[in-house]
Amino acid sequence: MAGQVSDGDEWQRLRPDAEHALRNLNSEISSHEDPQTLFEAYTYAKDITARAIQARMLMHLPTENREFKMLHARVQQEMHSRYQGMIPLRFLRAPYSGKTHERLFSLLQENLARPVPAAMLRIVTGDNVHTERRARELRELGFDVHWHETKEISVYNLRSLDLDFNMIPAVVRNKVKKSKSLTTDEKQRLLKNAGIPENG
């Protein structure tokens, strides 16, 4: 796309600013003088460095991950195979197909069967609040993503590229339950007719 900046270009653009910001922060820390100046140096260095490191990490991830798209399509095909004709098609679209989930998958796939610190996931997404929930959403979709702590560090692990289709009923149930166009009775009837437990 015309005008689109690559991650490599973004890294080269931000790197000098990040280096300058970190030198300035180090100088402020060493001077032990004005707390306000130190705070301002820290917040600027934190922001510019985070953006630079994100660009650096994204340089080594695919712009488009075909494996992710293929696996996601398989989940949707399974949803259709099981429930087409019983559940309206609008509830049979697999969720979590966006760029954030794709980037998380790419990082986990790059480290397949090895633990990835949650902090690295947050750098790739540029989001300190919702990132771990997005990783758990991949697991909700049937991806072989697992979480644990090691030495008090939260880590995620894509153990394999196998999908767990046992998650499909829960995916459909959640989509039906979130609908604002159906009454509670209609939701219950849809799930019952499809053989999906209302709770699970």
N, C-alpha and C. Protein backbone atom coordinates (compact mmCIF):
# COMPACT_ATOMS: atom_id res chain seq x y z
N MET A 1 0.86 -1.20 0.00
CA MET A 1 0.00 0.00 0.00
C MET A 1 0.89 1.24 0.00
N ALA A 2 0.60 2.22 -0.85
CA ALA A 2 1.40 3.42 -0.97
C ALA A 2 1.43 4.16 0.36
N GLY A 3 2.63 4.61 0.76
CA GLY A 3 2.73 5.38 1.99
C GLY A 3 2.86 4.54 3.25
N GLN A 4 2.71 3.23 3.14
CA GLN A 4 2.79 2.37 4.32
C GLN A 4 4.24 2.18 4.71
N VAL A 5 4.52 2.38 6.02
CA VAL A 5 5.88 2.27 6.52
C VAL A 5 6.12 0.84 6.99
N SER A 6 7.21 0.22 6.53
CA SER A 6 7.53 -1.14 6.96
C SER A 6 8.05 -1.11 8.38
N ASP A 7 8.02 -2.28 9.04
CA ASP A 7 8.53 -2.36 10.40
C ASP A 7 10.02 -2.06 10.43
N GLY A 8 10.74 -2.47 9.37
CA GLY A 8 12.16 -2.18 9.30
C GLY A 8 12.42 -0.68 9.21
N ASP A 9 11.64 0.01 8.38
CA ASP A 9 11.77 1.47 8.27
C ASP A 9 11.41 2.14 9.59
N GLU A 10 10.39 1.63 10.25
CA GLU A 10 9.96 2.21 11.53
C GLU A 10 11.06 2.04 12.58
N TRP A 11 11.70 0.87 12.59
CA TRP A 11 12.80 0.63 13.51
C TRP A 11 13.95 1.61 13.26
N GLN A 12 14.31 1.78 11.99
CA GLN A 12 15.39 2.71 11.67
C GLN A 12 15.04 4.15 12.03
N ARG A 13 13.77 4.49 11.91
CA ARG A 13 13.33 5.85 12.25
C ARG A 13 13.34 6.09 13.75
N LEU A 14 12.89 5.08 14.51
CA LEU A 14 12.75 5.26 15.95
C LEU A 14 14.02 4.98 16.74
N ARG A 15 14.90 4.19 16.16
CA ARG A 15 16.10 3.77 16.91
C ARG A 15 16.93 4.94 17.44
N PRO A 16 17.26 5.96 16.61
CA PRO A 16 18.06 7.08 17.15
C PRO A 16 17.34 7.81 18.29
N ASP A 17 16.03 8.00 18.16
CA ASP A 17 15.27 8.66 19.21
C ASP A 17 15.29 7.85 20.50
N ALA A 18 15.18 6.52 20.36
CA ALA A 18 15.20 5.66 21.54
C ALA A 18 16.57 5.72 22.22
N GLU A 19 17.63 5.67 21.41
CA GLU A 19 18.98 5.74 21.97
C GLU A 19 19.18 7.06 22.71
N HIS A 20 18.74 8.17 22.09
CA HIS A 20 18.87 9.49 22.72
C HIS A 20 18.05 9.55 24.01
N ALA A 21 16.84 9.02 23.97
CA ALA A 21 15.97 9.07 25.16
C ALA A 21 16.57 8.28 26.31
N LEU A 22 17.16 7.13 26.01
CA LEU A 22 17.76 6.30 27.06
C LEU A 22 19.02 6.95 27.63
N ARG A 23 19.82 7.60 26.77
CA ARG A 23 20.99 8.33 27.27
C ARG A 23 20.56 9.48 28.18
N ASN A 24 19.51 10.18 27.76
CA ASN A 24 19.00 11.29 28.56
C ASN A 24 18.47 10.80 29.91
N LEU A 25 17.76 9.68 29.89
CA LEU A 25 17.24 9.11 31.13
C LEU A 25 18.38 8.71 32.05
N ASN A 26 19.41 8.08 31.49
CA ASN A 26 20.56 7.68 32.30
C ASN A 26 21.23 8.89 32.94
N SER A 27 21.31 9.99 32.17
CA SER A 27 21.90 11.22 32.69
C SER A 27 21.07 11.80 33.84
N GLU A 28 19.74 11.76 33.68
CA GLU A 28 18.86 12.27 34.73
C GLU A 28 18.95 11.42 36.00
N ILE A 29 19.06 10.12 35.82
CA ILE A 29 19.19 9.23 36.97
C ILE A 29 20.50 9.52 37.71
N SER A 30 21.57 9.75 36.95
CA SER A 30 22.88 10.00 37.55
C SER A 30 22.95 11.34 38.27
N SER A 31 22.18 12.32 37.78
CA SER A 31 22.28 13.67 38.35
C SER A 31 21.60 13.80 39.71
N HIS A 32 20.61 12.95 40.00
CA HIS A 32 19.89 12.99 41.29
C HIS A 32 19.29 14.37 41.57
N GLU A 33 18.84 15.07 40.55
CA GLU A 33 18.37 16.43 40.78
C GLU A 33 16.85 16.52 40.78
N ASP A 34 16.28 17.08 39.73
CA ASP A 34 14.85 17.41 39.70
C ASP A 34 14.00 16.16 39.44
N PRO A 35 13.13 15.75 40.40
CA PRO A 35 12.29 14.57 40.18
C PRO A 35 11.36 14.71 38.98
N GLN A 36 10.87 15.94 38.74
CA GLN A 36 9.95 16.15 37.62
C GLN A 36 10.65 15.91 36.29
N THR A 37 11.88 16.41 36.18
CA THR A 37 12.66 16.20 34.96
C THR A 37 12.95 14.71 34.75
N LEU A 38 13.26 14.03 35.86
CA LEU A 38 13.51 12.59 35.78
C LEU A 38 12.26 11.85 35.32
N PHE A 39 11.10 12.23 35.87
CA PHE A 39 9.84 11.60 35.48
C PHE A 39 9.55 11.80 34.00
N GLU A 40 9.76 13.03 33.52
CA GLU A 40 9.50 13.32 32.11
C GLU A 40 10.46 12.53 31.20
N ALA A 41 11.72 12.43 31.62
CA ALA A 41 12.69 11.66 30.83
C ALA A 41 12.31 10.19 30.80
N TYR A 42 11.83 9.69 31.94
CA TYR A 42 11.44 8.28 32.01
C TYR A 42 10.23 7.99 31.14
N THR A 43 9.19 8.80 31.23
CA THR A 43 7.97 8.53 30.46
C THR A 43 8.23 8.62 28.96
N TYR A 44 9.08 9.58 28.55
CA TYR A 44 9.39 9.69 27.12
C TYR A 44 10.21 8.49 26.67
N ALA A 45 11.22 8.12 27.46
CA ALA A 45 12.06 6.98 27.09
C ALA A 45 11.24 5.69 27.04
N LYS A 46 10.33 5.54 27.99
CA LYS A 46 9.49 4.33 28.03
C LYS A 46 8.65 4.22 26.77
N ASP A 47 8.04 5.33 26.36
CA ASP A 47 7.16 5.32 25.19
C ASP A 47 7.94 5.07 23.90
N ILE A 48 8.99 5.85 23.67
CA ILE A 48 9.70 5.75 22.39
C ILE A 48 10.44 4.42 22.28
N THR A 49 10.96 3.93 23.41
CA THR A 49 11.67 2.65 23.39
C THR A 49 10.71 1.50 23.12
N ALA A 50 9.53 1.56 23.74
CA ALA A 50 8.53 0.50 23.52
C ALA A 50 8.14 0.43 22.04
N ARG A 51 7.95 1.59 21.42
CA ARG A 51 7.58 1.59 20.00
C ARG A 51 8.72 1.10 19.11
N ALA A 52 9.94 1.46 19.48
CA ALA A 52 11.10 1.01 18.70
C ALA A 52 11.29 -0.50 18.81
N ILE A 53 11.19 -1.01 20.02
CA ILE A 53 11.39 -2.45 20.22
C ILE A 53 10.27 -3.24 19.56
N GLN A 54 9.04 -2.71 19.59
CA GLN A 54 7.94 -3.38 18.90
C GLN A 54 8.24 -3.49 17.41
N ALA A 55 8.70 -2.39 16.80
CA ALA A 55 9.02 -2.42 15.37
C ALA A 55 10.14 -3.42 15.10
N ARG A 56 11.13 -3.48 16.00
CA ARG A 56 12.24 -4.41 15.82
C ARG A 56 11.76 -5.86 15.87
N MET A 57 10.86 -6.18 16.79
CA MET A 57 10.35 -7.54 16.90
C MET A 57 9.47 -7.90 15.71
N LEU A 58 8.66 -6.94 15.27
CA LEU A 58 7.75 -7.22 14.15
C LEU A 58 8.50 -7.45 12.84
N MET A 59 9.74 -6.96 12.74
CA MET A 59 10.55 -7.18 11.54
C MET A 59 10.72 -8.67 11.27
N HIS A 60 10.70 -9.48 12.32
CA HIS A 60 10.98 -10.91 12.17
C HIS A 60 9.72 -11.77 12.20
N LEU A 61 8.58 -11.11 12.20
CA LEU A 61 7.32 -11.86 12.11
C LEU A 61 6.72 -11.63 10.73
N PRO A 62 6.01 -12.62 10.19
CA PRO A 62 5.43 -12.44 8.85
C PRO A 62 4.35 -11.37 8.84
N THR A 63 4.29 -10.62 7.76
CA THR A 63 3.23 -9.62 7.61
C THR A 63 1.87 -10.31 7.56
N GLU A 64 1.85 -11.48 6.93
CA GLU A 64 0.63 -12.29 6.88
C GLU A 64 1.01 -13.73 7.19
N ASN A 65 0.34 -14.33 8.16
CA ASN A 65 0.67 -15.69 8.58
C ASN A 65 -0.34 -16.66 7.96
N ARG A 66 0.11 -17.39 6.94
CA ARG A 66 -0.79 -18.31 6.23
C ARG A 66 -1.23 -19.46 7.11
N GLU A 67 -0.34 -19.90 8.00
CA GLU A 67 -0.69 -21.00 8.90
C GLU A 67 -1.84 -20.60 9.82
N PHE A 68 -1.77 -19.38 10.35
CA PHE A 68 -2.84 -18.89 11.21
C PHE A 68 -4.16 -18.84 10.44
N LYS A 69 -4.12 -18.30 9.24
CA LYS A 69 -5.34 -18.16 8.45
C LYS A 69 -5.92 -19.54 8.10
N MET A 70 -5.05 -20.50 7.81
CA MET A 70 -5.51 -21.84 7.47
C MET A 70 -6.16 -22.51 8.69
N LEU A 71 -5.51 -22.42 9.84
CA LEU A 71 -6.05 -23.04 11.05
C LEU A 71 -7.37 -22.36 11.46
N HIS A 72 -7.40 -21.04 11.35
CA HIS A 72 -8.63 -20.32 11.68
C HIS A 72 -9.77 -20.73 10.75
N ALA A 73 -9.45 -20.90 9.46
CA ALA A 73 -10.46 -21.34 8.49
C ALA A 73 -10.95 -22.74 8.81
N ARG A 74 -10.07 -23.61 9.31
CA ARG A 74 -10.48 -24.96 9.69
C ARG A 74 -11.47 -24.93 10.86
N VAL A 75 -11.25 -24.02 11.79
CA VAL A 75 -12.20 -23.88 12.91
C VAL A 75 -13.57 -23.47 12.38
N GLN A 76 -13.57 -22.50 11.48
CA GLN A 76 -14.84 -22.04 10.93
C GLN A 76 -15.53 -23.14 10.11
N GLN A 77 -14.75 -23.90 9.35
CA GLN A 77 -15.33 -25.00 8.58
C GLN A 77 -15.97 -26.03 9.51
N GLU A 78 -15.31 -26.29 10.63
CA GLU A 78 -15.86 -27.25 11.59
C GLU A 78 -17.15 -26.73 12.21
N MET A 79 -17.20 -25.43 12.50
CA MET A 79 -18.42 -24.83 13.03
C MET A 79 -19.56 -25.01 12.04
N HIS A 80 -19.28 -24.76 10.75
CA HIS A 80 -20.31 -24.92 9.72
C HIS A 80 -20.72 -26.38 9.58
N SER A 81 -19.73 -27.27 9.58
CA SER A 81 -20.01 -28.69 9.40
C SER A 81 -20.94 -29.22 10.49
N ARG A 82 -20.73 -28.76 11.70
CA ARG A 82 -21.51 -29.28 12.83
C ARG A 82 -22.89 -28.65 12.95
N TYR A 83 -22.99 -27.35 12.66
CA TYR A 83 -24.19 -26.63 13.07
C TYR A 83 -24.94 -25.91 11.96
N GLN A 84 -24.46 -26.00 10.71
CA GLN A 84 -25.18 -25.35 9.61
C GLN A 84 -26.58 -25.96 9.49
N GLY A 85 -27.59 -25.11 9.42
CA GLY A 85 -28.98 -25.56 9.35
C GLY A 85 -29.65 -25.56 10.71
N MET A 86 -28.85 -25.56 11.78
CA MET A 86 -29.41 -25.51 13.14
C MET A 86 -29.14 -24.16 13.80
N ILE A 87 -28.02 -23.56 13.44
CA ILE A 87 -27.61 -22.27 14.01
C ILE A 87 -27.47 -21.28 12.86
N PRO A 88 -28.02 -20.06 12.97
CA PRO A 88 -27.87 -19.07 11.89
C PRO A 88 -26.39 -18.84 11.55
N LEU A 89 -26.12 -18.62 10.27
CA LEU A 89 -24.75 -18.51 9.79
C LEU A 89 -23.97 -17.40 10.48
N ARG A 90 -24.67 -16.34 10.92
CA ARG A 90 -23.94 -15.23 11.55
C ARG A 90 -23.27 -15.65 12.85
N PHE A 91 -23.72 -16.76 13.44
CA PHE A 91 -23.10 -17.27 14.66
C PHE A 91 -22.05 -18.34 14.36
N LEU A 92 -21.85 -18.62 13.08
CA LEU A 92 -20.89 -19.65 12.70
C LEU A 92 -19.64 -19.07 12.06
N ARG A 93 -19.40 -17.81 12.33
CA ARG A 93 -18.15 -17.18 11.90
C ARG A 93 -17.17 -17.25 13.07
N ALA A 94 -16.04 -17.87 12.85
CA ALA A 94 -15.06 -18.03 13.92
C ALA A 94 -14.53 -16.66 14.35
N PRO A 95 -14.49 -16.39 15.65
CA PRO A 95 -13.99 -15.11 16.15
C PRO A 95 -12.47 -15.06 16.16
N TYR A 96 -11.94 -13.92 16.58
CA TYR A 96 -10.51 -13.76 16.86
C TYR A 96 -9.64 -13.93 15.62
N SER A 97 -10.02 -13.28 14.54
CA SER A 97 -9.27 -13.41 13.28
C SER A 97 -8.41 -12.18 12.99
N GLY A 98 -8.39 -11.22 13.92
CA GLY A 98 -7.73 -9.95 13.65
C GLY A 98 -6.21 -10.00 13.71
N LYS A 99 -5.60 -8.86 13.38
CA LYS A 99 -4.15 -8.76 13.30
C LYS A 99 -3.49 -9.02 14.65
N THR A 100 -4.12 -8.61 15.75
CA THR A 100 -3.51 -8.84 17.07
C THR A 100 -3.37 -10.32 17.34
N HIS A 101 -4.44 -11.09 17.12
CA HIS A 101 -4.37 -12.54 17.34
C HIS A 101 -3.37 -13.19 16.39
N GLU A 102 -3.31 -12.69 15.16
CA GLU A 102 -2.38 -13.24 14.18
C GLU A 102 -0.93 -13.00 14.61
N ARG A 103 -0.64 -11.80 15.12
CA ARG A 103 0.72 -11.50 15.58
C ARG A 103 1.09 -12.35 16.79
N LEU A 104 0.16 -12.51 17.70
CA LEU A 104 0.44 -13.35 18.86
C LEU A 104 0.74 -14.78 18.43
N PHE A 105 -0.08 -15.30 17.52
CA PHE A 105 0.16 -16.64 17.01
C PHE A 105 1.53 -16.73 16.35
N SER A 106 1.89 -15.73 15.56
CA SER A 106 3.17 -15.75 14.85
C SER A 106 4.34 -15.82 15.82
N LEU A 107 4.27 -15.04 16.90
CA LEU A 107 5.35 -15.06 17.89
C LEU A 107 5.41 -16.41 18.59
N LEU A 108 4.25 -16.94 18.96
CA LEU A 108 4.22 -18.25 19.62
C LEU A 108 4.67 -19.35 18.66
N GLN A 109 4.28 -19.24 17.40
CA GLN A 109 4.68 -20.24 16.40
C GLN A 109 6.19 -20.20 16.17
N GLU A 110 6.75 -19.00 16.15
CA GLU A 110 8.19 -18.85 15.98
C GLU A 110 8.96 -19.55 17.11
N ASN A 111 8.32 -19.63 18.26
CA ASN A 111 8.92 -20.29 19.43
C ASN A 111 8.17 -21.57 19.77
N LEU A 112 7.72 -22.28 18.74
CA LEU A 112 6.88 -23.46 18.92
C LEU A 112 7.47 -24.42 19.96
N ALA A 113 6.60 -24.79 20.92
CA ALA A 113 6.95 -25.73 22.00
C ALA A 113 7.94 -25.14 23.00
N ARG A 114 8.19 -23.82 22.91
CA ARG A 114 9.05 -23.17 23.89
C ARG A 114 8.27 -22.05 24.57
N PRO A 115 8.53 -21.78 25.85
CA PRO A 115 7.79 -20.73 26.56
C PRO A 115 8.15 -19.34 26.07
N VAL A 116 7.13 -18.49 25.96
CA VAL A 116 7.32 -17.10 25.55
C VAL A 116 6.84 -16.21 26.69
N PRO A 117 7.69 -15.36 27.26
CA PRO A 117 7.25 -14.48 28.35
C PRO A 117 6.09 -13.58 27.90
N ALA A 118 5.13 -13.40 28.80
CA ALA A 118 3.99 -12.53 28.48
C ALA A 118 4.45 -11.14 28.11
N ALA A 119 5.57 -10.70 28.69
CA ALA A 119 6.09 -9.36 28.37
C ALA A 119 6.42 -9.24 26.89
N MET A 120 6.92 -10.32 26.27
CA MET A 120 7.22 -10.28 24.83
C MET A 120 5.94 -10.18 24.02
N LEU A 121 4.90 -10.88 24.47
CA LEU A 121 3.61 -10.79 23.77
C LEU A 121 3.09 -9.35 23.83
N ARG A 122 3.25 -8.72 24.99
CA ARG A 122 2.76 -7.34 25.15
C ARG A 122 3.53 -6.37 24.26
N ILE A 123 4.82 -6.62 24.06
CA ILE A 123 5.62 -5.76 23.18
C ILE A 123 5.11 -5.86 21.74
N VAL A 124 4.86 -7.09 21.29
CA VAL A 124 4.41 -7.30 19.91
C VAL A 124 3.07 -6.63 19.64
N THR A 125 2.15 -6.68 20.61
CA THR A 125 0.83 -6.07 20.41
C THR A 125 0.81 -4.59 20.75
N GLY A 126 1.79 -4.14 21.55
CA GLY A 126 1.77 -2.74 22.00
C GLY A 126 0.64 -2.47 22.96
N ASP A 127 0.21 -3.50 23.69
CA ASP A 127 -0.94 -3.39 24.58
C ASP A 127 -0.62 -4.08 25.91
N ASN A 128 -0.55 -3.30 26.98
CA ASN A 128 -0.22 -3.86 28.29
C ASN A 128 -1.45 -4.35 29.05
N VAL A 129 -2.63 -4.12 28.50
CA VAL A 129 -3.87 -4.41 29.24
C VAL A 129 -4.55 -5.69 28.75
N HIS A 130 -4.72 -5.81 27.43
CA HIS A 130 -5.57 -6.88 26.89
C HIS A 130 -4.80 -8.04 26.27
N THR A 131 -3.49 -7.94 26.20
CA THR A 131 -2.71 -8.93 25.44
C THR A 131 -2.90 -10.36 25.95
N GLU A 132 -2.81 -10.56 27.25
CA GLU A 132 -2.90 -11.93 27.77
C GLU A 132 -4.30 -12.50 27.56
N ARG A 133 -5.30 -11.63 27.59
CA ARG A 133 -6.65 -12.11 27.28
C ARG A 133 -6.73 -12.56 25.82
N ARG A 134 -6.07 -11.82 24.93
CA ARG A 134 -6.05 -12.20 23.51
C ARG A 134 -5.37 -13.56 23.34
N ALA A 135 -4.31 -13.81 24.10
CA ALA A 135 -3.64 -15.12 24.02
C ALA A 135 -4.57 -16.22 24.49
N ARG A 136 -5.32 -15.95 25.55
CA ARG A 136 -6.28 -16.95 26.05
C ARG A 136 -7.40 -17.17 25.04
N GLU A 137 -7.75 -16.15 24.27
CA GLU A 137 -8.79 -16.30 23.26
C GLU A 137 -8.35 -17.27 22.16
N LEU A 138 -7.07 -17.30 21.84
CA LEU A 138 -6.58 -18.31 20.90
C LEU A 138 -6.85 -19.71 21.44
N ARG A 139 -6.64 -19.88 22.74
CA ARG A 139 -6.90 -21.18 23.37
C ARG A 139 -8.40 -21.50 23.33
N GLU A 140 -9.24 -20.48 23.56
CA GLU A 140 -10.69 -20.68 23.48
C GLU A 140 -11.10 -21.18 22.10
N LEU A 141 -10.35 -20.77 21.09
CA LEU A 141 -10.66 -21.14 19.71
C LEU A 141 -10.19 -22.55 19.37
N GLY A 142 -9.43 -23.16 20.29
CA GLY A 142 -8.96 -24.52 20.07
C GLY A 142 -7.48 -24.63 19.75
N PHE A 143 -6.76 -23.49 19.74
CA PHE A 143 -5.32 -23.53 19.52
C PHE A 143 -4.64 -24.10 20.77
N ASP A 144 -3.54 -24.79 20.55
CA ASP A 144 -2.85 -25.50 21.63
C ASP A 144 -1.95 -24.56 22.44
N VAL A 145 -2.56 -23.49 22.97
CA VAL A 145 -1.85 -22.47 23.74
C VAL A 145 -2.05 -22.74 25.23
N HIS A 146 -0.94 -22.76 25.95
CA HIS A 146 -1.01 -23.01 27.39
C HIS A 146 -0.24 -21.94 28.15
N TRP A 147 -0.69 -21.70 29.38
CA TRP A 147 -0.07 -20.68 30.24
C TRP A 147 0.47 -21.32 31.49
N HIS A 148 1.58 -20.83 31.97
CA HIS A 148 2.07 -21.22 33.30
C HIS A 148 3.04 -20.15 33.79
N GLU A 149 3.45 -20.28 35.03
CA GLU A 149 4.44 -19.37 35.59
C GLU A 149 5.73 -20.12 35.83
N THR A 150 6.84 -19.47 35.54
CA THR A 150 8.14 -20.03 35.84
C THR A 150 8.99 -18.92 36.46
N LYS A 151 9.48 -19.18 37.67
CA LYS A 151 10.24 -18.18 38.42
C LYS A 151 9.46 -16.87 38.53
N GLU A 152 8.15 -17.02 38.78
CA GLU A 152 7.22 -15.89 38.95
C GLU A 152 7.05 -15.06 37.69
N ILE A 153 7.42 -15.61 36.54
CA ILE A 153 7.21 -14.94 35.25
C ILE A 153 6.10 -15.66 34.50
N SER A 154 5.12 -14.90 34.03
CA SER A 154 4.02 -15.47 33.26
C SER A 154 4.48 -15.77 31.84
N VAL A 155 4.29 -17.03 31.40
CA VAL A 155 4.73 -17.42 30.06
C VAL A 155 3.60 -18.15 29.33
N TYR A 156 3.63 -18.07 28.00
CA TYR A 156 2.69 -18.78 27.14
C TYR A 156 3.48 -19.69 26.21
N ASN A 157 2.82 -20.77 25.82
CA ASN A 157 3.50 -21.81 25.07
C ASN A 157 2.53 -22.39 24.03
N LEU A 158 2.88 -22.29 22.76
CA LEU A 158 2.12 -22.98 21.70
C LEU A 158 2.76 -24.35 21.57
N ARG A 159 2.12 -25.37 22.11
CA ARG A 159 2.75 -26.68 22.21
C ARG A 159 2.76 -27.43 20.89
N SER A 160 1.77 -27.17 20.03
CA SER A 160 1.71 -27.83 18.72
C SER A 160 0.78 -27.03 17.83
N LEU A 161 0.68 -27.45 16.58
CA LEU A 161 -0.25 -26.80 15.64
C LEU A 161 -1.55 -27.58 15.52
N ASP A 162 -1.77 -28.50 16.46
CA ASP A 162 -3.03 -29.25 16.49
C ASP A 162 -4.15 -28.37 17.03
N LEU A 163 -5.35 -28.58 16.50
CA LEU A 163 -6.53 -27.86 16.96
C LEU A 163 -7.39 -28.78 17.82
N ASP A 164 -8.00 -28.22 18.85
CA ASP A 164 -8.92 -28.98 19.70
C ASP A 164 -10.35 -28.60 19.32
N PHE A 165 -10.98 -29.45 18.50
CA PHE A 165 -12.34 -29.15 18.05
C PHE A 165 -13.37 -29.35 19.15
N ASN A 166 -12.96 -29.89 20.30
CA ASN A 166 -13.89 -29.99 21.42
C ASN A 166 -14.31 -28.62 21.93
N MET A 167 -13.59 -27.57 21.52
CA MET A 167 -13.92 -26.21 21.95
C MET A 167 -15.04 -25.60 21.11
N ILE A 168 -15.38 -26.24 19.98
CA ILE A 168 -16.34 -25.66 19.04
C ILE A 168 -17.70 -25.35 19.68
N PRO A 169 -18.31 -26.27 20.43
CA PRO A 169 -19.61 -25.94 21.03
C PRO A 169 -19.56 -24.69 21.92
N ALA A 170 -18.47 -24.53 22.67
CA ALA A 170 -18.34 -23.37 23.54
C ALA A 170 -18.21 -22.09 22.73
N VAL A 171 -17.50 -22.15 21.60
CA VAL A 171 -17.35 -20.98 20.73
C VAL A 171 -18.72 -20.53 20.22
N VAL A 172 -19.51 -21.50 19.72
CA VAL A 172 -20.84 -21.17 19.19
C VAL A 172 -21.75 -20.69 20.31
N ARG A 173 -21.71 -21.37 21.45
CA ARG A 173 -22.55 -20.96 22.58
C ARG A 173 -22.26 -19.50 22.98
N ASN A 174 -20.98 -19.15 23.05
CA ASN A 174 -20.62 -17.79 23.45
C ASN A 174 -21.12 -16.76 22.44
N LYS A 175 -21.05 -17.09 21.15
CA LYS A 175 -21.52 -16.15 20.14
C LYS A 175 -23.03 -15.97 20.22
N VAL A 176 -23.76 -17.08 20.42
CA VAL A 176 -25.21 -16.99 20.55
C VAL A 176 -25.58 -16.18 21.79
N LYS A 177 -24.93 -16.46 22.90
CA LYS A 177 -25.27 -15.79 24.16
C LYS A 177 -24.99 -14.29 24.13
N LYS A 178 -24.00 -13.88 23.31
CA LYS A 178 -23.65 -12.47 23.23
C LYS A 178 -24.59 -11.69 22.30
N SER A 179 -25.44 -12.40 21.58
CA SER A 179 -26.34 -11.75 20.63
C SER A 179 -27.31 -10.79 21.34
N LYS A 180 -27.46 -9.61 20.76
CA LYS A 180 -28.40 -8.64 21.29
C LYS A 180 -29.72 -8.65 20.51
N SER A 181 -29.76 -9.44 19.44
CA SER A 181 -30.96 -9.48 18.60
C SER A 181 -31.90 -10.62 18.98
N LEU A 182 -31.45 -11.51 19.86
CA LEU A 182 -32.27 -12.65 20.28
C LEU A 182 -32.71 -12.49 21.73
N THR A 183 -33.91 -12.97 22.02
CA THR A 183 -34.36 -13.00 23.41
C THR A 183 -33.68 -14.18 24.13
N THR A 184 -33.78 -14.18 25.44
CA THR A 184 -33.21 -15.28 26.22
C THR A 184 -33.82 -16.61 25.81
N ASP A 185 -35.14 -16.63 25.60
CA ASP A 185 -35.82 -17.87 25.19
C ASP A 185 -35.34 -18.34 23.83
N GLU A 186 -35.15 -17.41 22.90
CA GLU A 186 -34.68 -17.77 21.57
C GLU A 186 -33.26 -18.36 21.63
N LYS A 187 -32.43 -17.78 22.45
CA LYS A 187 -31.06 -18.30 22.61
C LYS A 187 -31.09 -19.72 23.17
N GLN A 188 -31.90 -19.91 24.19
CA GLN A 188 -32.00 -21.24 24.81
C GLN A 188 -32.51 -22.28 23.81
N ARG A 189 -33.48 -21.87 23.00
CA ARG A 189 -34.07 -22.79 22.03
C ARG A 189 -33.04 -23.16 20.94
N LEU A 190 -32.31 -22.16 20.46
CA LEU A 190 -31.28 -22.43 19.45
C LEU A 190 -30.25 -23.42 19.96
N LEU A 191 -29.75 -23.17 21.16
CA LEU A 191 -28.71 -24.03 21.72
C LEU A 191 -29.24 -25.44 21.97
N LYS A 192 -30.46 -25.53 22.46
CA LYS A 192 -31.06 -26.83 22.73
C LYS A 192 -31.22 -27.63 21.45
N ASN A 193 -31.74 -26.98 20.40
CA ASN A 193 -31.96 -27.68 19.13
C ASN A 193 -30.65 -28.15 18.50
N ALA A 194 -29.58 -27.41 18.79
CA ALA A 194 -28.26 -27.80 18.23
C ALA A 194 -27.53 -28.77 19.12
N GLY A 195 -28.11 -29.09 20.27
CA GLY A 195 -27.47 -30.02 21.19
C GLY A 195 -26.29 -29.44 21.94
N ILE A 196 -26.28 -28.11 22.09
CA ILE A 196 -25.19 -27.43 22.80
C ILE A 196 -25.65 -27.11 24.21
N PRO A 197 -24.97 -27.62 25.24
CA PRO A 197 -25.37 -27.30 26.62
C PRO A 197 -25.36 -25.78 26.84
N GLU A 198 -26.36 -25.29 27.57
CA GLU A 198 -26.45 -23.86 27.82
C GLU A 198 -25.32 -23.36 28.70
N ASN A 199 -24.82 -24.23 29.55
CA ASN A 199 -23.70 -23.88 30.41
C ASN A 199 -22.61 -24.93 30.21
N GLY A 200 -21.38 -24.47 30.32
CA GLY A 200 -20.30 -25.43 30.14
C GLY A 200 -18.96 -24.77 30.25
